[in-house]
Amino acid sequence: MSEERLQKYLARAGIASRRKAEGLIDSGIVTVNGRVAELGVKVGPADEVRVRGRVVIAPLELVTLMLNKPPGVVTTVVDDRKRSTVMNLVPAVPGLHPVGRLDRDSEGLLLLTTDGKLTLSLTHQRYGHQKEYRVWCQREVRRRDLRRLEEGVELEDGAARAYRALPGRGGCLIILTEGRNRQIRRMLSLLGYTVNRLKRTRIAGLRLEGLEPAQFRLLTETDLVKLGYTHPVP
C-alpha cells in the first residue's frame, strides 16, 4: 500500500472524519514515529501512528498481529465482567479478533487477525497445527507421566493426549495438536501436578521471539509461511 495523508489514514482507522482528524492533528495529540504530526504529512504501512499515545492501525485488506499475552488478561473481544482483555493491548482495528484462546492465567504467543480463513486454518482440528507450551509445576514431571500424557488420559469431556511431552526443568514441555479449555492444566492435575505457570511458545513453525509481555507486532509474509498459510499480508 502506498503512502496517504495522515487525516485519511485516521479516517480509515475509524478515529474521526477527515475534517475532525485534521483538528486532532492540529491539537498535537497525533504522533508519527514518535514525533508530533503536522497537517500534510504522509504515512505508509511501516509508520507508527499514535493518537493520545495509543497505536492506531488503519484496516488493511488483512491484518494479523502476534501478541505476547501476559497473565491476568482475558482472551476475548468483550468481557461481560469488565475484566481487561487482549483487545486493550492492541490497536483498534475493525474486525480484529483472537485466534483461539489462552486462558486468563496463561501467557505467551497469541495471534489476532481480521482474516477468517487464517482463523479457521489454525483452530480447526483437521489441520492439526502444533502448539508448543512451556509448563512449570511444583516439581519436574516424571518421565513415566510424560509417557502417560502422550498415550492419553481421560478427562471429564473425553480422552485427551499430548502430541509430544518432553522433560523440562521445573515442569515439562508439551506439544498439542488439539485445544480444549485449560486442557494442559487438567491433564497434569489428573496426574497429581499443579501448574504454576504456562506459556505458549510456538504455533506451527512460528515462535514467540523478540516481544516482551504485552508487546505485539504485525506478521509478515514470511511469518505466514511458517504458519503454513500462503495468503499474503499487504
Protein backbone atom coordinates (compact mmCIF):
# COMPACT_ATOMS: atom_id res chain seq x y z
CA MET A 1 0.00 0.00 0.00
CA SER A 2 1.36 3.45 -0.94
CA GLU A 3 1.56 6.44 1.36
CA GLU A 4 -1.51 8.53 2.12
CA ARG A 5 -2.27 11.72 4.01
CA LEU A 6 -2.47 11.25 7.77
CA GLN A 7 -6.03 12.56 8.06
CA LYS A 8 -7.21 9.99 5.51
CA TYR A 9 -5.36 7.25 7.42
CA LEU A 10 -7.07 8.28 10.68
CA ALA A 11 -10.45 8.32 8.96
CA ARG A 12 -9.93 4.79 7.59
CA ALA A 13 -8.98 3.68 11.09
CA GLY A 14 -12.34 4.91 12.36
CA ILE A 15 -10.83 7.55 14.65
CA ALA A 16 -12.69 10.51 13.16
CA SER A 17 -13.87 12.01 9.89
CA ARG A 18 -11.15 13.57 7.75
CA ARG A 19 -12.14 17.06 8.85
CA LYS A 20 -12.15 16.12 12.54
CA ALA A 21 -8.91 14.21 12.05
CA GLU A 22 -7.33 17.46 10.87
CA GLY A 23 -8.39 19.02 14.16
CA LEU A 24 -6.81 16.16 16.10
CA ILE A 25 -3.57 16.66 14.21
CA ASP A 26 -3.65 20.42 14.85
CA SER A 27 -4.18 19.78 18.57
CA GLY A 28 -0.86 17.92 18.81
CA ILE A 29 -2.21 14.61 20.11
CA VAL A 30 -1.24 12.64 16.99
CA THR A 31 2.31 11.35 16.55
CA VAL A 32 4.04 9.59 13.67
CA ASN A 33 7.10 7.52 14.57
CA GLY A 34 7.33 9.29 17.93
CA ARG A 35 7.14 12.84 16.59
CA VAL A 36 4.16 15.21 16.82
CA ALA A 37 2.47 15.15 13.42
CA GLU A 38 1.67 18.13 11.23
CA LEU A 39 -1.02 18.57 8.60
CA GLY A 40 0.09 17.36 5.22
CA VAL A 41 2.35 14.57 6.47
CA LYS A 42 2.00 11.26 4.63
CA VAL A 43 2.19 7.83 6.22
CA GLY A 44 2.61 4.28 4.98
CA PRO A 45 2.36 0.73 6.41
CA ALA A 46 5.79 0.97 8.05
CA ASP A 47 4.94 4.12 10.05
CA GLU A 48 3.73 4.03 13.66
CA VAL A 49 0.76 6.32 14.21
CA ARG A 50 -0.50 7.08 17.71
CA VAL A 51 -3.43 9.12 19.00
CA ARG A 52 -3.15 10.14 22.66
CA GLY A 53 -0.36 7.57 22.94
CA ARG A 54 -2.34 4.61 21.62
CA VAL A 55 -1.23 2.91 18.42
CA VAL A 56 -3.70 3.23 15.55
CA ILE A 57 -3.70 0.87 12.56
CA ALA A 58 -5.98 1.60 9.63
CA PRO A 59 -7.63 -1.57 8.35
CA LEU A 60 -5.67 -3.15 5.54
CA GLU A 61 -7.08 -5.88 3.37
CA LEU A 62 -5.80 -8.26 6.04
CA VAL A 63 -4.17 -7.61 9.41
CA THR A 64 -2.59 -10.27 11.63
CA LEU A 65 -0.76 -9.48 14.86
CA MET A 66 1.40 -11.56 17.18
CA LEU A 67 0.92 -10.64 20.84
CA ASN A 68 2.95 -11.81 23.82
CA LYS A 69 -0.07 -12.18 26.10
CA PRO A 70 0.66 -11.51 29.77
CA PRO A 71 -1.13 -13.48 32.50
CA GLY A 72 -4.24 -11.93 34.04
CA VAL A 73 -5.73 -10.83 30.71
CA VAL A 74 -8.81 -12.46 29.17
CA THR A 75 -8.66 -13.72 25.58
CA THR A 76 -11.91 -12.33 24.26
CA VAL A 77 -13.13 -9.32 22.31
CA VAL A 78 -15.56 -8.20 25.04
CA ASP A 79 -15.81 -9.41 28.62
CA ASP A 80 -19.17 -9.08 30.38
CA ARG A 81 -17.38 -8.98 33.75
CA LYS A 82 -15.43 -5.87 32.70
CA ARG A 83 -12.05 -7.60 33.03
CA SER A 84 -9.07 -6.50 30.98
CA THR A 85 -8.97 -8.24 27.58
CA VAL A 86 -6.30 -8.75 24.95
CA MET A 87 -8.08 -6.14 22.83
CA ASN A 88 -6.90 -3.49 25.32
CA LEU A 89 -3.30 -4.34 24.37
CA VAL A 90 -3.54 -3.95 20.59
CA PRO A 91 -4.69 -1.22 18.17
CA ALA A 92 -8.37 -0.76 17.44
CA VAL A 93 -8.67 -2.46 14.04
CA PRO A 94 -12.18 -3.25 12.72
CA GLY A 95 -12.77 -7.00 12.63
CA LEU A 96 -9.68 -7.89 14.67
CA HIS A 97 -10.24 -10.95 16.86
CA PRO A 98 -8.17 -13.53 18.76
CA VAL A 99 -7.26 -16.78 17.00
CA GLY A 100 -8.25 -19.42 19.54
CA ARG A 101 -7.55 -18.59 23.14
CA LEU A 102 -5.18 -18.71 26.05
CA ASP A 103 -6.85 -18.91 29.44
CA ARG A 104 -6.64 -15.92 31.77
CA ASP A 105 -3.77 -17.33 33.83
CA SER A 106 -1.68 -18.40 30.83
CA GLU A 107 0.72 -16.31 28.75
CA GLY A 108 2.69 -16.26 25.54
CA LEU A 109 2.05 -16.40 21.81
CA LEU A 110 -1.41 -15.27 20.76
CA LEU A 111 -2.44 -14.30 17.25
CA LEU A 112 -5.14 -11.75 16.44
CA THR A 113 -6.38 -11.30 12.89
CA THR A 114 -9.05 -9.88 10.58
CA ASP A 115 -8.62 -12.94 8.33
CA GLY A 116 -11.33 -15.51 8.94
CA LYS A 117 -9.65 -18.10 6.72
CA LEU A 118 -6.48 -17.89 8.79
CA THR A 119 -8.53 -18.32 11.97
CA LEU A 120 -10.17 -21.45 10.57
CA SER A 121 -6.88 -22.93 9.38
CA LEU A 122 -5.30 -22.52 12.83
CA THR A 123 -8.24 -23.55 15.02
CA HIS A 124 -9.94 -26.42 13.17
CA GLN A 125 -8.70 -29.75 14.45
CA ARG A 126 -8.47 -31.28 10.98
CA TYR A 127 -5.43 -29.13 10.17
CA GLY A 128 -3.51 -30.45 13.19
CA HIS A 129 -1.21 -27.47 13.72
CA GLN A 130 1.24 -27.99 16.56
CA LYS A 131 1.13 -25.64 19.53
CA GLU A 132 4.04 -25.76 21.96
CA TYR A 133 3.83 -24.89 25.66
CA ARG A 134 6.46 -24.49 28.36
CA VAL A 135 4.95 -25.60 31.65
CA TRP A 136 6.24 -25.00 35.18
CA CYS A 137 4.85 -27.15 38.01
CA GLN A 138 5.58 -27.66 41.69
CA ARG A 139 8.11 -30.28 40.57
CA GLU A 140 9.55 -31.72 37.38
CA VAL A 141 7.15 -34.06 35.60
CA ARG A 142 8.36 -37.66 35.77
CA ARG A 143 9.17 -39.47 32.55
CA ARG A 144 6.53 -42.12 33.16
CA ASP A 145 3.94 -39.36 33.46
CA LEU A 146 5.22 -37.76 30.26
CA ARG A 147 4.57 -41.09 28.54
CA ARG A 148 1.05 -41.15 30.02
CA LEU A 149 0.39 -37.70 28.59
CA GLU A 150 1.42 -38.96 25.15
CA GLU A 151 -0.63 -42.14 25.49
CA GLY A 152 -3.67 -40.16 26.58
CA VAL A 153 -5.67 -39.55 29.73
CA GLU A 154 -9.41 -39.44 30.30
CA LEU A 155 -10.84 -36.01 31.16
CA GLU A 156 -14.44 -35.24 32.06
CA ASP A 157 -15.06 -34.13 28.45
CA GLY A 158 -13.33 -37.11 26.82
CA ALA A 159 -9.91 -38.53 26.10
CA ALA A 160 -7.03 -36.09 25.64
CA ARG A 161 -3.43 -36.66 24.66
CA ALA A 162 -0.27 -34.70 24.02
CA TYR A 163 1.38 -34.97 20.62
CA ARG A 164 4.70 -34.81 22.48
CA ALA A 165 5.55 -34.43 26.17
CA LEU A 166 9.19 -33.70 26.93
CA PRO A 167 11.13 -33.15 30.14
CA GLY A 168 11.78 -29.58 31.25
CA ARG A 169 13.40 -28.09 34.32
CA GLY A 170 10.76 -27.44 36.94
CA GLY A 171 8.00 -28.89 34.78
CA CYS A 172 7.84 -30.04 31.15
CA LEU A 173 7.34 -29.11 27.51
CA ILE A 174 4.05 -30.11 25.90
CA ILE A 175 3.05 -30.04 22.23
CA LEU A 176 -0.64 -30.28 21.34
CA THR A 177 -2.42 -30.62 18.02
CA GLU A 178 -5.81 -30.03 19.63
CA GLY A 179 -7.04 -27.47 22.10
CA ARG A 180 -9.65 -27.52 24.84
CA ASN A 181 -10.38 -25.24 27.76
CA ARG A 182 -7.49 -25.44 30.27
CA GLN A 183 -6.51 -28.79 28.73
CA ILE A 184 -2.89 -28.93 29.86
CA ARG A 185 -3.74 -27.85 33.39
CA ARG A 186 -6.44 -30.52 33.64
CA MET A 187 -4.27 -33.27 32.17
CA LEU A 188 -1.45 -32.58 34.59
CA SER A 189 -3.82 -32.18 37.53
CA LEU A 190 -5.13 -35.68 36.81
CA LEU A 191 -1.56 -36.95 37.28
CA GLY A 192 -1.04 -35.04 40.52
CA TYR A 193 0.72 -31.91 39.26
CA THR A 194 -0.21 -28.28 39.84
CA VAL A 195 0.65 -25.89 37.02
CA ASN A 196 2.22 -22.71 38.39
CA ARG A 197 2.97 -21.10 35.04
CA LEU A 198 2.08 -21.93 31.43
CA LYS A 199 3.49 -20.16 28.38
CA ARG A 200 2.75 -20.86 24.71
CA THR A 201 5.98 -20.51 22.74
CA ARG A 202 5.13 -21.77 19.25
CA ILE A 203 2.27 -22.20 16.79
CA ALA A 204 3.24 -24.41 13.81
CA GLY A 205 6.62 -23.00 12.72
CA LEU A 206 6.11 -19.55 14.23
CA ARG A 207 7.92 -18.92 17.51
CA LEU A 208 7.43 -16.21 20.12
CA GLU A 209 10.62 -14.20 19.84
CA GLY A 210 11.63 -10.60 20.44
CA LEU A 211 8.48 -9.49 22.25
CA GLU A 212 8.21 -8.52 25.90
CA PRO A 213 4.94 -9.25 27.74
CA ALA A 214 2.07 -7.12 26.33
CA GLN A 215 4.07 -6.22 23.21
CA PHE A 216 2.84 -7.05 19.69
CA ARG A 217 3.94 -6.83 16.07
CA LEU A 218 2.45 -7.23 12.61
CA LEU A 219 3.04 -10.56 10.93
CA THR A 220 4.92 -10.65 7.63
CA GLU A 221 4.51 -12.95 4.63
CA THR A 222 7.48 -14.94 5.97
CA ASP A 223 5.63 -15.41 9.28
CA LEU A 224 2.55 -16.67 7.45
CA VAL A 225 4.63 -19.22 5.57
CA LYS A 226 5.81 -20.50 8.97
CA LEU A 227 2.15 -20.95 9.86
CA GLY A 228 1.61 -22.96 6.67
CA TYR A 229 -0.59 -20.18 5.29
CA THR A 230 0.11 -18.67 1.91
CA HIS A 231 -2.27 -15.70 1.71
CA PRO A 232 -0.03 -12.61 1.80
CA VAL A 233 -0.35 -9.78 4.26
CA PRO A 234 -0.28 -6.43 2.37
